[in-house]
Amino acid sequence: MQRFTELKVWERSHRLALQIYQVSKRMPADERFGLIPQLRRALVSVPTNIAEGSKRTSSPEYARFSNIAEASLAETEYLLILSRDLGYESAVSLKTIFSEVAEIAGMLHRLRLKVEGKH
């Protein structure tokens, strides 16, 4: 089995996590116990579940962890929408992040289908 660090979807989600940490540093200090940790946890869950799933011994378990990563990415997308709508980040500055989220979502979906044998 391929190491999770060699998976493009893991690599891209890891890079996105690093990027989101930088974005969240610019958020207001009064969000340090609200939006900031929730956003970080949601996104960090994506590469974490990819890594954990890749070490499961059965395809259904790997698929389940891939699905959890998909759900965490959807949560991340919503939290980014919320931060944009609250005025913490501009739509322009988040445009490339939203594009990356969409591409990673597609990659995760294809990974899950492949692991489920439905490709």
N, C-alpha and C. Protein backbone atom coordinates (compact mmCIF):
# COMPACT_ATOMS: atom_id res chain seq x y z
N MET A 1 0.84 -1.20 0.00
CA MET A 1 0.00 0.00 0.00
C MET A 1 0.88 1.25 0.00
N GLN A 2 0.41 2.27 -0.66
CA GLN A 2 1.12 3.53 -0.78
C GLN A 2 1.11 4.28 0.56
N ARG A 3 2.25 4.88 0.90
CA ARG A 3 2.30 5.70 2.12
C ARG A 3 1.41 6.93 1.93
N PHE A 4 0.75 7.34 3.00
CA PHE A 4 -0.17 8.47 2.87
C PHE A 4 0.55 9.74 2.42
N THR A 5 1.82 9.89 2.76
CA THR A 5 2.56 11.09 2.36
C THR A 5 2.81 11.14 0.85
N GLU A 6 2.59 10.02 0.17
CA GLU A 6 2.75 9.96 -1.28
C GLU A 6 1.44 10.21 -2.02
N LEU A 7 0.35 10.31 -1.30
CA LEU A 7 -0.95 10.56 -1.91
C LEU A 7 -1.09 12.05 -2.21
N LYS A 8 -1.42 12.39 -3.45
CA LYS A 8 -1.58 13.80 -3.84
C LYS A 8 -2.67 14.48 -3.02
N VAL A 9 -3.75 13.76 -2.73
CA VAL A 9 -4.84 14.37 -1.96
C VAL A 9 -4.39 14.70 -0.54
N TRP A 10 -3.54 13.87 0.04
CA TRP A 10 -3.01 14.19 1.37
C TRP A 10 -2.09 15.40 1.28
N GLU A 11 -1.20 15.39 0.29
CA GLU A 11 -0.25 16.49 0.12
C GLU A 11 -0.97 17.83 -0.05
N ARG A 12 -1.99 17.85 -0.88
CA ARG A 12 -2.73 19.09 -1.12
C ARG A 12 -3.53 19.52 0.10
N SER A 13 -4.12 18.57 0.80
CA SER A 13 -4.89 18.94 2.00
C SER A 13 -3.95 19.42 3.11
N HIS A 14 -2.76 18.86 3.18
CA HIS A 14 -1.77 19.33 4.16
C HIS A 14 -1.36 20.77 3.84
N ARG A 15 -1.09 21.05 2.57
CA ARG A 15 -0.74 22.42 2.16
C ARG A 15 -1.88 23.39 2.46
N LEU A 16 -3.11 22.94 2.23
CA LEU A 16 -4.26 23.79 2.52
C LEU A 16 -4.36 24.05 4.02
N ALA A 17 -4.07 23.06 4.83
CA ALA A 17 -4.09 23.26 6.28
C ALA A 17 -3.08 24.33 6.68
N LEU A 18 -1.89 24.29 6.10
CA LEU A 18 -0.89 25.31 6.40
C LEU A 18 -1.39 26.69 6.00
N GLN A 19 -2.05 26.75 4.86
CA GLN A 19 -2.59 28.02 4.36
C GLN A 19 -3.69 28.55 5.28
N ILE A 20 -4.56 27.66 5.74
CA ILE A 20 -5.67 28.07 6.61
C ILE A 20 -5.14 28.56 7.96
N TYR A 21 -4.07 27.98 8.45
CA TYR A 21 -3.47 28.49 9.69
C TYR A 21 -3.05 29.94 9.51
N GLN A 22 -2.51 30.28 8.34
CA GLN A 22 -2.11 31.67 8.08
C GLN A 22 -3.34 32.58 7.99
N VAL A 23 -4.38 32.12 7.32
CA VAL A 23 -5.62 32.90 7.22
C VAL A 23 -6.21 33.14 8.61
N SER A 24 -6.24 32.10 9.42
CA SER A 24 -6.87 32.22 10.73
C SER A 24 -6.08 33.12 11.68
N LYS A 25 -4.80 33.29 11.43
CA LYS A 25 -4.00 34.22 12.26
C LYS A 25 -4.47 35.66 12.09
N ARG A 26 -5.09 35.96 10.97
CA ARG A 26 -5.55 37.33 10.71
C ARG A 26 -6.95 37.60 11.26
N MET A 27 -7.59 36.59 11.80
CA MET A 27 -8.95 36.76 12.33
C MET A 27 -8.88 37.52 13.66
N PRO A 28 -9.99 38.15 14.02
CA PRO A 28 -10.02 38.92 15.28
C PRO A 28 -9.70 38.05 16.50
N ALA A 29 -9.05 38.66 17.46
CA ALA A 29 -8.67 37.95 18.68
C ALA A 29 -9.87 37.38 19.42
N ASP A 30 -11.03 38.02 19.30
CA ASP A 30 -12.20 37.50 20.02
C ASP A 30 -12.73 36.20 19.42
N GLU A 31 -12.15 35.75 18.30
CA GLU A 31 -12.51 34.45 17.71
C GLU A 31 -11.55 33.33 18.14
N ARG A 32 -10.62 33.63 19.04
CA ARG A 32 -9.62 32.62 19.42
C ARG A 32 -10.21 31.40 20.11
N PHE A 33 -11.42 31.54 20.66
CA PHE A 33 -12.08 30.39 21.28
C PHE A 33 -13.32 29.96 20.50
N GLY A 34 -13.56 30.61 19.37
CA GLY A 34 -14.74 30.30 18.56
C GLY A 34 -14.38 29.76 17.19
N LEU A 35 -14.40 30.63 16.22
CA LEU A 35 -14.22 30.23 14.83
C LEU A 35 -12.81 29.70 14.54
N ILE A 36 -11.80 30.32 15.09
CA ILE A 36 -10.42 29.92 14.77
C ILE A 36 -10.14 28.45 15.09
N PRO A 37 -10.34 28.01 16.32
CA PRO A 37 -10.03 26.59 16.58
C PRO A 37 -10.95 25.62 15.85
N GLN A 38 -12.21 26.01 15.62
CA GLN A 38 -13.12 25.11 14.91
C GLN A 38 -12.68 24.97 13.45
N LEU A 39 -12.28 26.07 12.83
CA LEU A 39 -11.80 26.03 11.46
C LEU A 39 -10.53 25.19 11.35
N ARG A 40 -9.61 25.41 12.26
CA ARG A 40 -8.36 24.65 12.24
C ARG A 40 -8.60 23.16 12.45
N ARG A 41 -9.44 22.82 13.43
CA ARG A 41 -9.72 21.40 13.70
C ARG A 41 -10.39 20.73 12.50
N ALA A 42 -11.34 21.43 11.88
CA ALA A 42 -12.04 20.85 10.73
C ALA A 42 -11.07 20.55 9.61
N LEU A 43 -10.20 21.49 9.30
CA LEU A 43 -9.29 21.26 8.18
C LEU A 43 -8.20 20.27 8.52
N VAL A 44 -7.66 20.32 9.72
CA VAL A 44 -6.62 19.36 10.10
C VAL A 44 -7.17 17.94 10.08
N SER A 45 -8.47 17.81 10.29
CA SER A 45 -9.11 16.50 10.25
C SER A 45 -9.02 15.86 8.86
N VAL A 46 -8.91 16.67 7.81
CA VAL A 46 -8.88 16.13 6.45
C VAL A 46 -7.61 15.29 6.22
N PRO A 47 -6.40 15.87 6.30
CA PRO A 47 -5.22 15.04 6.09
C PRO A 47 -5.03 13.98 7.17
N THR A 48 -5.52 14.26 8.38
CA THR A 48 -5.40 13.29 9.47
C THR A 48 -6.20 12.03 9.15
N ASN A 49 -7.43 12.20 8.67
CA ASN A 49 -8.26 11.03 8.34
C ASN A 49 -7.77 10.31 7.10
N ILE A 50 -7.18 11.03 6.17
CA ILE A 50 -6.56 10.36 5.02
C ILE A 50 -5.43 9.46 5.50
N ALA A 51 -4.60 10.01 6.38
CA ALA A 51 -3.47 9.24 6.91
C ALA A 51 -3.96 8.02 7.69
N GLU A 52 -4.90 8.23 8.59
CA GLU A 52 -5.38 7.12 9.40
C GLU A 52 -6.08 6.07 8.55
N GLY A 53 -6.91 6.51 7.61
CA GLY A 53 -7.62 5.56 6.75
C GLY A 53 -6.69 4.71 5.92
N SER A 54 -5.58 5.32 5.49
CA SER A 54 -4.64 4.58 4.63
C SER A 54 -3.98 3.41 5.35
N LYS A 55 -4.04 3.41 6.65
CA LYS A 55 -3.44 2.33 7.44
C LYS A 55 -4.46 1.32 7.94
N ARG A 56 -5.72 1.50 7.60
CA ARG A 56 -6.74 0.53 7.99
C ARG A 56 -6.58 -0.72 7.14
N THR A 57 -6.93 -1.85 7.70
CA THR A 57 -6.68 -3.12 7.03
C THR A 57 -7.79 -3.55 6.08
N SER A 58 -8.92 -2.85 6.10
CA SER A 58 -10.00 -3.23 5.19
C SER A 58 -10.43 -2.03 4.35
N SER A 59 -10.90 -2.33 3.16
CA SER A 59 -11.38 -1.28 2.26
C SER A 59 -12.56 -0.50 2.83
N PRO A 60 -13.54 -1.18 3.46
CA PRO A 60 -14.66 -0.41 4.03
C PRO A 60 -14.20 0.60 5.10
N GLU A 61 -13.21 0.21 5.90
CA GLU A 61 -12.70 1.15 6.91
C GLU A 61 -11.97 2.32 6.26
N TYR A 62 -11.16 2.04 5.26
CA TYR A 62 -10.45 3.09 4.53
C TYR A 62 -11.47 4.04 3.90
N ALA A 63 -12.50 3.50 3.30
CA ALA A 63 -13.55 4.32 2.68
C ALA A 63 -14.26 5.17 3.73
N ARG A 64 -14.49 4.61 4.91
CA ARG A 64 -15.16 5.36 5.98
C ARG A 64 -14.31 6.57 6.39
N PHE A 65 -13.01 6.38 6.55
CA PHE A 65 -12.14 7.49 6.92
C PHE A 65 -12.03 8.51 5.80
N SER A 66 -12.08 8.06 4.56
CA SER A 66 -12.10 8.98 3.43
C SER A 66 -13.37 9.82 3.45
N ASN A 67 -14.48 9.19 3.80
CA ASN A 67 -15.75 9.91 3.90
C ASN A 67 -15.72 10.92 5.05
N ILE A 68 -15.10 10.56 6.15
CA ILE A 68 -14.96 11.51 7.28
C ILE A 68 -14.14 12.72 6.81
N ALA A 69 -13.09 12.47 6.04
CA ALA A 69 -12.28 13.57 5.50
C ALA A 69 -13.14 14.46 4.59
N GLU A 70 -13.99 13.84 3.77
CA GLU A 70 -14.89 14.61 2.91
C GLU A 70 -15.81 15.51 3.75
N ALA A 71 -16.36 14.95 4.82
CA ALA A 71 -17.26 15.71 5.68
C ALA A 71 -16.53 16.86 6.37
N SER A 72 -15.32 16.60 6.82
CA SER A 72 -14.53 17.66 7.47
C SER A 72 -14.19 18.77 6.48
N LEU A 73 -13.96 18.41 5.24
CA LEU A 73 -13.68 19.42 4.22
C LEU A 73 -14.92 20.27 3.96
N ALA A 74 -16.10 19.65 3.96
CA ALA A 74 -17.34 20.40 3.80
C ALA A 74 -17.53 21.36 4.97
N GLU A 75 -17.23 20.90 6.17
CA GLU A 75 -17.31 21.77 7.35
C GLU A 75 -16.36 22.95 7.20
N THR A 76 -15.15 22.67 6.73
CA THR A 76 -14.17 23.72 6.50
C THR A 76 -14.70 24.75 5.52
N GLU A 77 -15.29 24.27 4.43
CA GLU A 77 -15.82 25.18 3.41
C GLU A 77 -16.87 26.10 4.02
N TYR A 78 -17.77 25.54 4.82
CA TYR A 78 -18.79 26.38 5.46
C TYR A 78 -18.15 27.42 6.38
N LEU A 79 -17.17 27.00 7.18
CA LEU A 79 -16.54 27.93 8.12
C LEU A 79 -15.80 29.05 7.38
N LEU A 80 -15.26 28.75 6.22
CA LEU A 80 -14.64 29.78 5.39
C LEU A 80 -15.69 30.74 4.84
N ILE A 81 -16.85 30.20 4.43
CA ILE A 81 -17.96 31.05 3.99
C ILE A 81 -18.38 31.97 5.12
N LEU A 82 -18.50 31.42 6.31
CA LEU A 82 -18.87 32.22 7.48
C LEU A 82 -17.85 33.31 7.75
N SER A 83 -16.57 32.97 7.71
CA SER A 83 -15.54 33.99 7.97
C SER A 83 -15.58 35.08 6.90
N ARG A 84 -15.86 34.69 5.66
CA ARG A 84 -16.01 35.69 4.59
C ARG A 84 -17.21 36.59 4.86
N ASP A 85 -18.35 35.98 5.20
CA ASP A 85 -19.58 36.74 5.40
C ASP A 85 -19.52 37.61 6.66
N LEU A 86 -18.68 37.24 7.62
CA LEU A 86 -18.47 38.08 8.80
C LEU A 86 -17.47 39.20 8.53
N GLY A 87 -16.86 39.17 7.35
CA GLY A 87 -15.92 40.22 6.98
C GLY A 87 -14.50 39.99 7.45
N TYR A 88 -14.19 38.78 7.89
CA TYR A 88 -12.83 38.49 8.36
C TYR A 88 -11.86 38.30 7.21
N GLU A 89 -12.37 37.83 6.08
CA GLU A 89 -11.56 37.65 4.86
C GLU A 89 -12.41 38.08 3.68
N SER A 90 -11.76 38.60 2.67
CA SER A 90 -12.50 39.04 1.48
C SER A 90 -12.74 37.85 0.56
N ALA A 91 -13.77 38.00 -0.26
CA ALA A 91 -14.08 36.96 -1.25
C ALA A 91 -12.90 36.77 -2.20
N VAL A 92 -12.23 37.86 -2.53
CA VAL A 92 -11.08 37.79 -3.44
C VAL A 92 -9.95 36.98 -2.83
N SER A 93 -9.66 37.22 -1.54
CA SER A 93 -8.55 36.50 -0.90
C SER A 93 -8.86 35.02 -0.69
N LEU A 94 -10.13 34.69 -0.62
CA LEU A 94 -10.52 33.28 -0.42
C LEU A 94 -10.79 32.54 -1.72
N LYS A 95 -10.77 33.24 -2.85
CA LYS A 95 -11.12 32.61 -4.12
C LYS A 95 -10.24 31.39 -4.42
N THR A 96 -8.94 31.51 -4.28
CA THR A 96 -8.06 30.37 -4.58
C THR A 96 -8.24 29.26 -3.54
N ILE A 97 -8.54 29.64 -2.30
CA ILE A 97 -8.77 28.62 -1.26
C ILE A 97 -10.04 27.83 -1.59
N PHE A 98 -11.11 28.51 -1.97
CA PHE A 98 -12.34 27.81 -2.33
C PHE A 98 -12.12 26.90 -3.54
N SER A 99 -11.32 27.35 -4.48
CA SER A 99 -11.00 26.52 -5.64
C SER A 99 -10.24 25.27 -5.21
N GLU A 100 -9.29 25.43 -4.31
CA GLU A 100 -8.52 24.28 -3.81
C GLU A 100 -9.42 23.33 -3.03
N VAL A 101 -10.32 23.87 -2.22
CA VAL A 101 -11.27 23.03 -1.49
C VAL A 101 -12.09 22.18 -2.46
N ALA A 102 -12.57 22.79 -3.53
CA ALA A 102 -13.37 22.05 -4.52
C ALA A 102 -12.56 20.94 -5.19
N GLU A 103 -11.31 21.23 -5.53
CA GLU A 103 -10.47 20.21 -6.16
C GLU A 103 -10.16 19.07 -5.20
N ILE A 104 -9.85 19.40 -3.95
CA ILE A 104 -9.58 18.36 -2.96
C ILE A 104 -10.83 17.52 -2.71
N ALA A 105 -11.99 18.16 -2.68
CA ALA A 105 -13.26 17.43 -2.50
C ALA A 105 -13.43 16.39 -3.61
N GLY A 106 -13.15 16.78 -4.84
CA GLY A 106 -13.24 15.83 -5.95
C GLY A 106 -12.25 14.70 -5.82
N MET A 107 -11.04 15.03 -5.40
CA MET A 107 -10.01 14.00 -5.21
C MET A 107 -10.42 13.02 -4.12
N LEU A 108 -10.96 13.53 -3.02
CA LEU A 108 -11.41 12.66 -1.92
C LEU A 108 -12.56 11.77 -2.38
N HIS A 109 -13.47 12.33 -3.13
CA HIS A 109 -14.60 11.55 -3.63
C HIS A 109 -14.11 10.40 -4.51
N ARG A 110 -13.19 10.71 -5.42
CA ARG A 110 -12.65 9.67 -6.31
C ARG A 110 -11.86 8.62 -5.51
N LEU A 111 -11.12 9.06 -4.49
CA LEU A 111 -10.39 8.11 -3.64
C LEU A 111 -11.36 7.16 -2.95
N ARG A 112 -12.42 7.71 -2.38
CA ARG A 112 -13.40 6.87 -1.68
C ARG A 112 -14.04 5.87 -2.64
N LEU A 113 -14.43 6.33 -3.82
CA LEU A 113 -15.02 5.42 -4.80
C LEU A 113 -14.05 4.32 -5.20
N LYS A 114 -12.80 4.68 -5.38
CA LYS A 114 -11.78 3.68 -5.75
C LYS A 114 -11.62 2.65 -4.63
N VAL A 115 -11.54 3.13 -3.41
CA VAL A 115 -11.36 2.22 -2.27
C VAL A 115 -12.60 1.32 -2.12
N GLU A 116 -13.77 1.87 -2.40
CA GLU A 116 -15.01 1.08 -2.33
C GLU A 116 -15.15 0.13 -3.52
N GLY A 117 -14.29 0.26 -4.50
CA GLY A 117 -14.35 -0.59 -5.70
C GLY A 117 -15.41 -0.14 -6.67
N LYS A 118 -15.80 1.14 -6.60
CA LYS A 118 -16.86 1.68 -7.47
C LYS A 118 -16.33 2.62 -8.53
N HIS A 119 -15.05 2.65 -8.71
CA HIS A 119 -14.46 3.59 -9.68
C HIS A 119 -15.00 3.30 -11.03
